[in-house]
All heavy atoms as atom14 arrays in JSON, in Angstrom:
{
  "sequence": "KARHISQQSIVLAAVFGILTGIITLIFAEPLLKLMGIEAE",
  "atom14_mask": [
    [1, 1, 1, 1, 1, 1, 1, 1, 1, 0, 0, 0, 0, 0],
    [1, 1, 1, 1, 1, 0, 0, 0, 0, 0, 0, 0, 0, 0],
    [1, 1, 1, 1, 1, 1, 1, 1, 1, 1, 1, 0, 0, 0],
    [1, 1, 1, 1, 1, 1, 1, 1, 1, 1, 0, 0, 0, 0],
    [1, 1, 1, 1, 1, 1, 1, 1, 0, 0, 0, 0, 0, 0],
    [1, 1, 1, 1, 1, 1, 0, 0, 0, 0, 0, 0, 0, 0],
    [1, 1, 1, 1, 1, 1, 1, 1, 1, 0, 0, 0, 0, 0],
    [1, 1, 1, 1, 1, 1, 1, 1, 1, 0, 0, 0, 0, 0],
    [1, 1, 1, 1, 1, 1, 0, 0, 0, 0, 0, 0, 0, 0],
    [1, 1, 1, 1, 1, 1, 1, 1, 0, 0, 0, 0, 0, 0],
    [1, 1, 1, 1, 1, 1, 1, 0, 0, 0, 0, 0, 0, 0],
    [1, 1, 1, 1, 1, 1, 1, 1, 0, 0, 0, 0, 0, 0],
    [1, 1, 1, 1, 1, 0, 0, 0, 0, 0, 0, 0, 0, 0],
    [1, 1, 1, 1, 1, 0, 0, 0, 0, 0, 0, 0, 0, 0],
    [1, 1, 1, 1, 1, 1, 1, 0, 0, 0, 0, 0, 0, 0],
    [1, 1, 1, 1, 1, 1, 1, 1, 1, 1, 1, 0, 0, 0],
    [1, 1, 1, 1, 0, 0, 0, 0, 0, 0, 0, 0, 0, 0],
    [1, 1, 1, 1, 1, 1, 1, 1, 0, 0, 0, 0, 0, 0],
    [1, 1, 1, 1, 1, 1, 1, 1, 0, 0, 0, 0, 0, 0],
    [1, 1, 1, 1, 1, 1, 1, 0, 0, 0, 0, 0, 0, 0],
    [1, 1, 1, 1, 0, 0, 0, 0, 0, 0, 0, 0, 0, 0],
    [1, 1, 1, 1, 1, 1, 1, 1, 0, 0, 0, 0, 0, 0],
    [1, 1, 1, 1, 1, 1, 1, 1, 0, 0, 0, 0, 0, 0],
    [1, 1, 1, 1, 1, 1, 1, 0, 0, 0, 0, 0, 0, 0],
    [1, 1, 1, 1, 1, 1, 1, 1, 0, 0, 0, 0, 0, 0],
    [1, 1, 1, 1, 1, 1, 1, 1, 0, 0, 0, 0, 0, 0],
    [1, 1, 1, 1, 1, 1, 1, 1, 1, 1, 1, 0, 0, 0],
    [1, 1, 1, 1, 1, 0, 0, 0, 0, 0, 0, 0, 0, 0],
    [1, 1, 1, 1, 1, 1, 1, 1, 1, 0, 0, 0, 0, 0],
    [1, 1, 1, 1, 1, 1, 1, 0, 0, 0, 0, 0, 0, 0],
    [1, 1, 1, 1, 1, 1, 1, 1, 0, 0, 0, 0, 0, 0],
    [1, 1, 1, 1, 1, 1, 1, 1, 0, 0, 0, 0, 0, 0],
    [1, 1, 1, 1, 1, 1, 1, 1, 1, 0, 0, 0, 0, 0],
    [1, 1, 1, 1, 1, 1, 1, 1, 0, 0, 0, 0, 0, 0],
    [1, 1, 1, 1, 1, 1, 1, 1, 0, 0, 0, 0, 0, 0],
    [1, 1, 1, 1, 0, 0, 0, 0, 0, 0, 0, 0, 0, 0],
    [1, 1, 1, 1, 1, 1, 1, 1, 0, 0, 0, 0, 0, 0],
    [1, 1, 1, 1, 1, 1, 1, 1, 1, 0, 0, 0, 0, 0],
    [1, 1, 1, 1, 1, 0, 0, 0, 0, 0, 0, 0, 0, 0],
    [1, 1, 1, 1, 1, 1, 1, 1, 1, 0, 0, 0, 0, 0]
  ],
  "atom14_positions": [
    [[-268.0, 145.57, 320.89], [-267.41, 145.64, 319.55], [-267.59, 147.04, 318.95], [-266.72, 147.53, 318.24], [-268.05, 144.59, 318.63], [-267.64, 143.16, 318.99], [-268.15, 142.16, 317.98], [-267.46, 142.28, 316.63], [-266.02, 142.04, 316.7], [0.0, 0.0, 0.0], [0.0, 0.0, 0.0], [0.0, 0.0, 0.0], [0.0, 0.0, 0.0], [0.0, 0.0, 0.0]],
    [[-268.72, 147.67, 319.26], [-268.94, 149.04, 318.79], [-267.9, 149.98, 319.38], [-267.35, 150.85, 318.69], [-270.35, 149.5, 319.17], [0.0, 0.0, 0.0], [0.0, 0.0, 0.0], [0.0, 0.0, 0.0], [0.0, 0.0, 0.0], [0.0, 0.0, 0.0], [0.0, 0.0, 0.0], [0.0, 0.0, 0.0], [0.0, 0.0, 0.0], [0.0, 0.0, 0.0]],
    [[-267.6, 149.81, 320.67], [-266.6, 150.64, 321.34], [-265.22, 150.43, 320.72], [-264.49, 151.38, 320.44], [-266.55, 150.3, 322.83], [-265.61, 151.21, 323.63], [-265.13, 150.51, 324.91], [-266.22, 149.96, 325.69], [-266.82, 150.6, 326.7], [-266.43, 151.81, 327.03], [-267.8, 150.02, 327.36], [0.0, 0.0, 0.0], [0.0, 0.0, 0.0], [0.0, 0.0, 0.0]],
    [[-264.88, 149.19, 320.49], [-263.55, 148.86, 319.96], [-263.36, 149.45, 318.56], [-262.34, 150.09, 318.26], [-263.35, 147.35, 319.94], [-261.93, 146.93, 319.79], [-261.52, 145.61, 319.84], [-260.78, 147.65, 319.59], [-260.21, 145.54, 319.68], [-259.74, 146.77, 319.52], [0.0, 0.0, 0.0], [0.0, 0.0, 0.0], [0.0, 0.0, 0.0], [0.0, 0.0, 0.0]],
    [[-264.34, 149.25, 317.7], [-264.17, 149.71, 316.33], [-264.23, 151.23, 316.24], [-263.64, 151.85, 315.35], [-265.21, 149.06, 315.4], [-264.66, 149.02, 313.95], [-266.55, 149.78, 315.44], [-265.37, 148.05, 313.05], [0.0, 0.0, 0.0], [0.0, 0.0, 0.0], [0.0, 0.0, 0.0], [0.0, 0.0, 0.0], [0.0, 0.0, 0.0], [0.0, 0.0, 0.0]],
    [[-264.93, 151.88, 317.18], [-264.95, 153.34, 317.18], [-263.56, 153.9, 317.46], [-263.12, 154.86, 316.82], [-265.95, 153.87, 318.21], [-265.48, 153.71, 319.53], [0.0, 0.0, 0.0], [0.0, 0.0, 0.0], [0.0, 0.0, 0.0], [0.0, 0.0, 0.0], [0.0, 0.0, 0.0], [0.0, 0.0, 0.0], [0.0, 0.0, 0.0], [0.0, 0.0, 0.0]],
    [[-262.83, 153.29, 318.41], [-261.49, 153.77, 318.72], [-260.51, 153.46, 317.59], [-259.61, 154.25, 317.31], [-261.01, 153.17, 320.05], [-261.71, 153.78, 321.24], [-261.19, 153.27, 322.57], [-261.96, 152.81, 323.4], [-259.9, 153.34, 322.79], [0.0, 0.0, 0.0], [0.0, 0.0, 0.0], [0.0, 0.0, 0.0], [0.0, 0.0, 0.0], [0.0, 0.0, 0.0]],
    [[-260.69, 152.34, 316.95], [-259.82, 152.02, 315.82], [-260.06, 152.98, 314.65], [-259.12, 153.32, 313.91], [-260.06, 150.58, 315.37], [-259.55, 149.54, 316.36], [-258.05, 149.63, 316.58], [-257.26, 149.43, 315.67], [-257.65, 149.95, 317.81], [0.0, 0.0, 0.0], [0.0, 0.0, 0.0], [0.0, 0.0, 0.0], [0.0, 0.0, 0.0], [0.0, 0.0, 0.0]],
    [[-261.28, 153.45, 314.49], [-261.56, 154.42, 313.43], [-260.89, 155.76, 313.73], [-260.45, 156.46, 312.82], [-263.07, 154.6, 313.25], [-263.66, 155.21, 314.36], [0.0, 0.0, 0.0], [0.0, 0.0, 0.0], [0.0, 0.0, 0.0], [0.0, 0.0, 0.0], [0.0, 0.0, 0.0], [0.0, 0.0, 0.0], [0.0, 0.0, 0.0], [0.0, 0.0, 0.0]],
    [[-260.78, 156.09, 315.01], [-260.08, 157.33, 315.4], [-258.59, 157.21, 315.09], [-257.96, 158.15, 314.6], [-260.3, 157.64, 316.89], [-261.78, 157.94, 317.15], [-259.43, 158.82, 317.34], [-262.14, 158.07, 318.62], [0.0, 0.0, 0.0], [0.0, 0.0, 0.0], [0.0, 0.0, 0.0], [0.0, 0.0, 0.0], [0.0, 0.0, 0.0], [0.0, 0.0, 0.0]],
    [[-258.03, 156.02, 315.36], [-256.62, 155.78, 315.02], [-256.4, 155.94, 313.53], [-255.44, 156.59, 313.08], [-256.19, 154.36, 315.48], [-254.8, 154.03, 314.95], [-256.22, 154.25, 317.01], [0.0, 0.0, 0.0], [0.0, 0.0, 0.0], [0.0, 0.0, 0.0], [0.0, 0.0, 0.0], [0.0, 0.0, 0.0], [0.0, 0.0, 0.0], [0.0, 0.0, 0.0]],
    [[-257.29, 155.36, 312.74], [-257.18, 155.45, 311.29], [-257.32, 156.9, 310.82], [-256.62, 157.34, 309.9], [-258.27, 154.58, 310.65], [-258.06, 154.13, 309.2], [-256.76, 153.35, 309.04], [-259.25, 153.28, 308.74], [0.0, 0.0, 0.0], [0.0, 0.0, 0.0], [0.0, 0.0, 0.0], [0.0, 0.0, 0.0], [0.0, 0.0, 0.0], [0.0, 0.0, 0.0]],
    [[-258.21, 157.64, 311.47], [-258.4, 159.05, 311.13], [-257.12, 159.85, 311.39], [-256.75, 160.72, 310.6], [-259.55, 159.63, 311.94], [0.0, 0.0, 0.0], [0.0, 0.0, 0.0], [0.0, 0.0, 0.0], [0.0, 0.0, 0.0], [0.0, 0.0, 0.0], [0.0, 0.0, 0.0], [0.0, 0.0, 0.0], [0.0, 0.0, 0.0], [0.0, 0.0, 0.0]],
    [[-256.44, 159.55, 312.49], [-255.2, 160.26, 312.81], [-254.13, 159.99, 311.76], [-253.42, 160.9, 311.33], [-254.71, 159.84, 314.2], [0.0, 0.0, 0.0], [0.0, 0.0, 0.0], [0.0, 0.0, 0.0], [0.0, 0.0, 0.0], [0.0, 0.0, 0.0], [0.0, 0.0, 0.0], [0.0, 0.0, 0.0], [0.0, 0.0, 0.0], [0.0, 0.0, 0.0]],
    [[-254.02, 158.74, 311.34], [-253.01, 158.37, 310.33], [-253.24, 159.13, 309.03], [-252.32, 159.75, 308.48], [-253.03, 156.85, 310.07], [-252.14, 156.5, 308.88], [-252.58, 156.09, 311.31], [0.0, 0.0, 0.0], [0.0, 0.0, 0.0], [0.0, 0.0, 0.0], [0.0, 0.0, 0.0], [0.0, 0.0, 0.0], [0.0, 0.0, 0.0], [0.0, 0.0, 0.0]],
    [[-254.47, 159.12, 308.53], [-254.77, 159.79, 307.27], [-254.69, 161.31, 307.41], [-254.32, 162.02, 306.46], [-256.13, 159.37, 306.74], [-256.1, 158.07, 305.99], [-256.41, 156.88, 306.64], [-255.75, 158.03, 304.66], [-256.36, 155.67, 305.95], [-255.7, 156.83, 303.96], [-256.0, 155.64, 304.62], [0.0, 0.0, 0.0], [0.0, 0.0, 0.0], [0.0, 0.0, 0.0]],
    [[-255.03, 161.83, 308.58], [-254.93, 163.27, 308.81], [-253.49, 163.75, 308.74], [-253.19, 164.81, 308.15], [0.0, 0.0, 0.0], [0.0, 0.0, 0.0], [0.0, 0.0, 0.0], [0.0, 0.0, 0.0], [0.0, 0.0, 0.0], [0.0, 0.0, 0.0], [0.0, 0.0, 0.0], [0.0, 0.0, 0.0], [0.0, 0.0, 0.0], [0.0, 0.0, 0.0]],
    [[-252.58, 162.98, 309.31], [-251.16, 163.34, 309.28], [-250.62, 163.23, 307.86], [-249.87, 164.11, 307.39], [-250.36, 162.43, 310.24], [-250.76, 162.74, 311.69], [-248.86, 162.63, 310.05], [-250.22, 161.76, 312.7], [0.0, 0.0, 0.0], [0.0, 0.0, 0.0], [0.0, 0.0, 0.0], [0.0, 0.0, 0.0], [0.0, 0.0, 0.0], [0.0, 0.0, 0.0]],
    [[-250.97, 162.16, 307.16], [-250.48, 161.96, 305.78], [-250.93, 163.09, 304.84], [-250.13, 163.61, 304.05], [-250.96, 160.62, 305.24], [-250.29, 159.37, 305.82], [-250.95, 158.11, 305.28], [-248.8, 159.36, 305.51], [0.0, 0.0, 0.0], [0.0, 0.0, 0.0], [0.0, 0.0, 0.0], [0.0, 0.0, 0.0], [0.0, 0.0, 0.0], [0.0, 0.0, 0.0]],
    [[-252.19, 163.48, 304.92], [-252.68, 164.54, 304.04], [-252.06, 165.89, 304.4], [-251.85, 166.74, 303.52], [-254.22, 164.63, 304.1], [-254.65, 164.7, 305.47], [-254.86, 163.45, 303.42], [0.0, 0.0, 0.0], [0.0, 0.0, 0.0], [0.0, 0.0, 0.0], [0.0, 0.0, 0.0], [0.0, 0.0, 0.0], [0.0, 0.0, 0.0], [0.0, 0.0, 0.0]],
    [[-251.74, 166.08, 305.68], [-251.07, 167.31, 306.08], [-249.68, 167.4, 305.46], [-249.26, 168.47, 304.99], [0.0, 0.0, 0.0], [0.0, 0.0, 0.0], [0.0, 0.0, 0.0], [0.0, 0.0, 0.0], [0.0, 0.0, 0.0], [0.0, 0.0, 0.0], [0.0, 0.0, 0.0], [0.0, 0.0, 0.0], [0.0, 0.0, 0.0], [0.0, 0.0, 0.0]],
    [[-248.97, 166.28, 305.43], [-247.63, 166.25, 304.82], [-247.73, 166.5, 303.32], [-246.92, 167.23, 302.73], [-246.96, 164.89, 305.11], [-246.67, 164.75, 306.61], [-245.66, 164.76, 304.31], [-246.19, 163.37, 307.02], [0.0, 0.0, 0.0], [0.0, 0.0, 0.0], [0.0, 0.0, 0.0], [0.0, 0.0, 0.0], [0.0, 0.0, 0.0], [0.0, 0.0, 0.0]],
    [[-248.73, 165.9, 302.68], [-248.93, 166.1, 301.24], [-249.17, 167.58, 300.94], [-248.63, 168.14, 299.98], [-250.11, 165.24, 300.74], [-249.72, 163.76, 300.75], [-250.55, 165.67, 299.33], [-250.87, 162.82, 300.49], [0.0, 0.0, 0.0], [0.0, 0.0, 0.0], [0.0, 0.0, 0.0], [0.0, 0.0, 0.0], [0.0, 0.0, 0.0], [0.0, 0.0, 0.0]],
    [[-249.97, 168.24, 301.77], [-250.26, 169.66, 301.57], [-248.99, 170.5, 301.69], [-248.75, 171.4, 300.89], [-251.28, 170.15, 302.61], [-252.46, 169.35, 302.53], [-251.65, 171.61, 302.35], [0.0, 0.0, 0.0], [0.0, 0.0, 0.0], [0.0, 0.0, 0.0], [0.0, 0.0, 0.0], [0.0, 0.0, 0.0], [0.0, 0.0, 0.0], [0.0, 0.0, 0.0]],
    [[-248.19, 170.19, 302.69], [-246.95, 170.94, 302.92], [-246.04, 170.89, 301.7], [-245.45, 171.9, 301.31], [-246.24, 170.37, 304.15], [-244.86, 170.96, 304.49], [-244.99, 172.44, 304.85], [-244.2, 170.17, 305.62], [0.0, 0.0, 0.0], [0.0, 0.0, 0.0], [0.0, 0.0, 0.0], [0.0, 0.0, 0.0], [0.0, 0.0, 0.0], [0.0, 0.0, 0.0]],
    [[-245.95, 169.73, 301.09], [-244.98, 169.53, 300.0], [-245.56, 169.88, 298.63], [-244.87, 170.45, 297.79], [-244.49, 168.06, 300.01], [-243.81, 167.73, 301.34], [-243.53, 167.82, 298.84], [-243.46, 166.27, 301.51], [0.0, 0.0, 0.0], [0.0, 0.0, 0.0], [0.0, 0.0, 0.0], [0.0, 0.0, 0.0], [0.0, 0.0, 0.0], [0.0, 0.0, 0.0]],
    [[-246.84, 169.56, 298.41], [-247.39, 169.63, 297.04], [-248.52, 170.64, 296.87], [-249.34, 170.48, 295.95], [-247.88, 168.25, 296.61], [-246.83, 167.19, 296.6], [-246.84, 166.18, 297.55], [-245.82, 167.19, 295.65], [-245.86, 165.19, 297.55], [-244.85, 166.21, 295.64], [-244.87, 165.21, 296.59], [0.0, 0.0, 0.0], [0.0, 0.0, 0.0], [0.0, 0.0, 0.0]],
    [[-248.59, 171.68, 297.68], [-249.7, 172.63, 297.59], [-249.85, 173.23, 296.19], [-250.92, 173.17, 295.57], [-249.54, 173.74, 298.63], [0.0, 0.0, 0.0], [0.0, 0.0, 0.0], [0.0, 0.0, 0.0], [0.0, 0.0, 0.0], [0.0, 0.0, 0.0], [0.0, 0.0, 0.0], [0.0, 0.0, 0.0], [0.0, 0.0, 0.0], [0.0, 0.0, 0.0]],
    [[-248.77, 173.84, 295.68], [-248.85, 174.48, 294.36], [-249.14, 173.5, 293.23], [-250.04, 173.75, 292.4], [-247.58, 175.27, 294.04], [-247.48, 176.6, 294.73], [-246.81, 176.48, 296.1], [-246.5, 175.33, 296.51], [-246.62, 177.51, 296.76], [0.0, 0.0, 0.0], [0.0, 0.0, 0.0], [0.0, 0.0, 0.0], [0.0, 0.0, 0.0], [0.0, 0.0, 0.0]],
    [[-248.42, 172.37, 293.14], [-248.71, 171.43, 292.05], [-250.16, 170.94, 292.03], [-250.76, 170.79, 290.96], [-247.74, 170.27, 292.31], [-246.61, 170.89, 293.05], [-247.23, 171.94, 293.91], [0.0, 0.0, 0.0], [0.0, 0.0, 0.0], [0.0, 0.0, 0.0], [0.0, 0.0, 0.0], [0.0, 0.0, 0.0], [0.0, 0.0, 0.0], [0.0, 0.0, 0.0]],
    [[-250.73, 170.72, 293.21], [-252.11, 170.25, 293.28], [-253.07, 171.32, 292.76], [-254.03, 171.02, 292.03], [-252.48, 169.86, 294.71], [-251.86, 168.57, 295.23], [-252.14, 168.39, 296.73], [-252.36, 167.36, 294.46], [0.0, 0.0, 0.0], [0.0, 0.0, 0.0], [0.0, 0.0, 0.0], [0.0, 0.0, 0.0], [0.0, 0.0, 0.0], [0.0, 0.0, 0.0]],
    [[-252.83, 172.57, 293.11], [-253.69, 173.65, 292.65], [-253.51, 173.94, 291.17], [-254.45, 174.34, 290.47], [-253.43, 174.92, 293.47], [-253.83, 174.87, 294.95], [-253.47, 176.17, 295.64], [-255.32, 174.59, 295.1], [0.0, 0.0, 0.0], [0.0, 0.0, 0.0], [0.0, 0.0, 0.0], [0.0, 0.0, 0.0], [0.0, 0.0, 0.0], [0.0, 0.0, 0.0]],
    [[-252.29, 173.73, 290.66], [-252.04, 173.97, 289.24], [-252.81, 173.0, 288.35], [-253.07, 173.3, 287.18], [-250.54, 173.86, 288.94], [-249.72, 175.07, 289.4], [-248.24, 174.89, 289.09], [-247.43, 176.08, 289.56], [-245.98, 175.88, 289.32], [0.0, 0.0, 0.0], [0.0, 0.0, 0.0], [0.0, 0.0, 0.0], [0.0, 0.0, 0.0], [0.0, 0.0, 0.0]],
    [[-253.17, 171.85, 288.9], [-253.98, 170.9, 288.14], [-255.31, 171.51, 287.71], [-255.94, 171.05, 286.75], [-254.25, 169.65, 288.98], [-253.04, 168.75, 289.28], [-253.46, 167.64, 290.24], [-252.48, 168.16, 288.0], [0.0, 0.0, 0.0], [0.0, 0.0, 0.0], [0.0, 0.0, 0.0], [0.0, 0.0, 0.0], [0.0, 0.0, 0.0], [0.0, 0.0, 0.0]],
    [[-255.73, 172.56, 288.43], [-257.0, 173.22, 288.13], [-256.87, 174.23, 287.0], [-257.87, 174.76, 286.52], [-257.53, 173.93, 289.38], [-257.67, 173.02, 290.58], [-258.97, 171.81, 290.38], [-260.41, 172.84, 290.44], [0.0, 0.0, 0.0], [0.0, 0.0, 0.0], [0.0, 0.0, 0.0], [0.0, 0.0, 0.0], [0.0, 0.0, 0.0], [0.0, 0.0, 0.0]],
    [[-255.65, 174.53, 286.58], [-255.44, 175.48, 285.49], [-255.8, 176.91, 285.84], [-256.25, 177.68, 284.98], [0.0, 0.0, 0.0], [0.0, 0.0, 0.0], [0.0, 0.0, 0.0], [0.0, 0.0, 0.0], [0.0, 0.0, 0.0], [0.0, 0.0, 0.0], [0.0, 0.0, 0.0], [0.0, 0.0, 0.0], [0.0, 0.0, 0.0], [0.0, 0.0, 0.0]],
    [[-255.59, 177.3, 287.11], [-256.01, 178.63, 287.55], [-254.99, 179.69, 287.18], [-253.84, 179.41, 286.9], [-256.25, 178.64, 289.08], [-255.0, 178.17, 289.83], [-257.43, 177.78, 289.44], [-255.16, 178.15, 291.33], [0.0, 0.0, 0.0], [0.0, 0.0, 0.0], [0.0, 0.0, 0.0], [0.0, 0.0, 0.0], [0.0, 0.0, 0.0], [0.0, 0.0, 0.0]],
    [[-255.44, 180.94, 287.2], [-254.57, 182.06, 286.87], [-253.57, 182.31, 287.99], [-253.78, 181.9, 289.14], [-255.43, 183.32, 286.64], [-256.43, 183.16, 285.51], [-257.44, 184.31, 285.44], [-257.33, 185.24, 286.27], [-258.32, 184.26, 284.58], [0.0, 0.0, 0.0], [0.0, 0.0, 0.0], [0.0, 0.0, 0.0], [0.0, 0.0, 0.0], [0.0, 0.0, 0.0]],
    [[-252.48, 183.05, 287.66], [-251.38, 183.26, 288.61], [-251.83, 183.93, 289.9], [-251.43, 183.54, 291.0], [-250.28, 184.08, 287.94], [0.0, 0.0, 0.0], [0.0, 0.0, 0.0], [0.0, 0.0, 0.0], [0.0, 0.0, 0.0], [0.0, 0.0, 0.0], [0.0, 0.0, 0.0], [0.0, 0.0, 0.0], [0.0, 0.0, 0.0], [0.0, 0.0, 0.0]],
    [[-252.69, 184.96, 289.8], [-253.12, 185.68, 291.0], [-253.97, 184.78, 291.9], [-253.93, 184.91, 293.13], [-253.88, 186.94, 290.62], [-255.18, 186.69, 289.85], [-255.99, 187.97, 289.66], [-255.84, 188.89, 290.49], [-256.76, 188.04, 288.69], [0.0, 0.0, 0.0], [0.0, 0.0, 0.0], [0.0, 0.0, 0.0], [0.0, 0.0, 0.0], [0.0, 0.0, 0.0]]
  ]
}
C-alpha cells in the first residue's frame, strides 16, 4: 500500500505541476501586481 500510494502521489504532483505552469504562463503580471510593486 505504501508503494501504491507513493506512485499515486507522483501522479498528483504531475497534474498540479502542469496546472501551475499554465497559470504562470498566462497570469504572471496580474499575480505580481497583487503585491503593489513598482514598475521596475
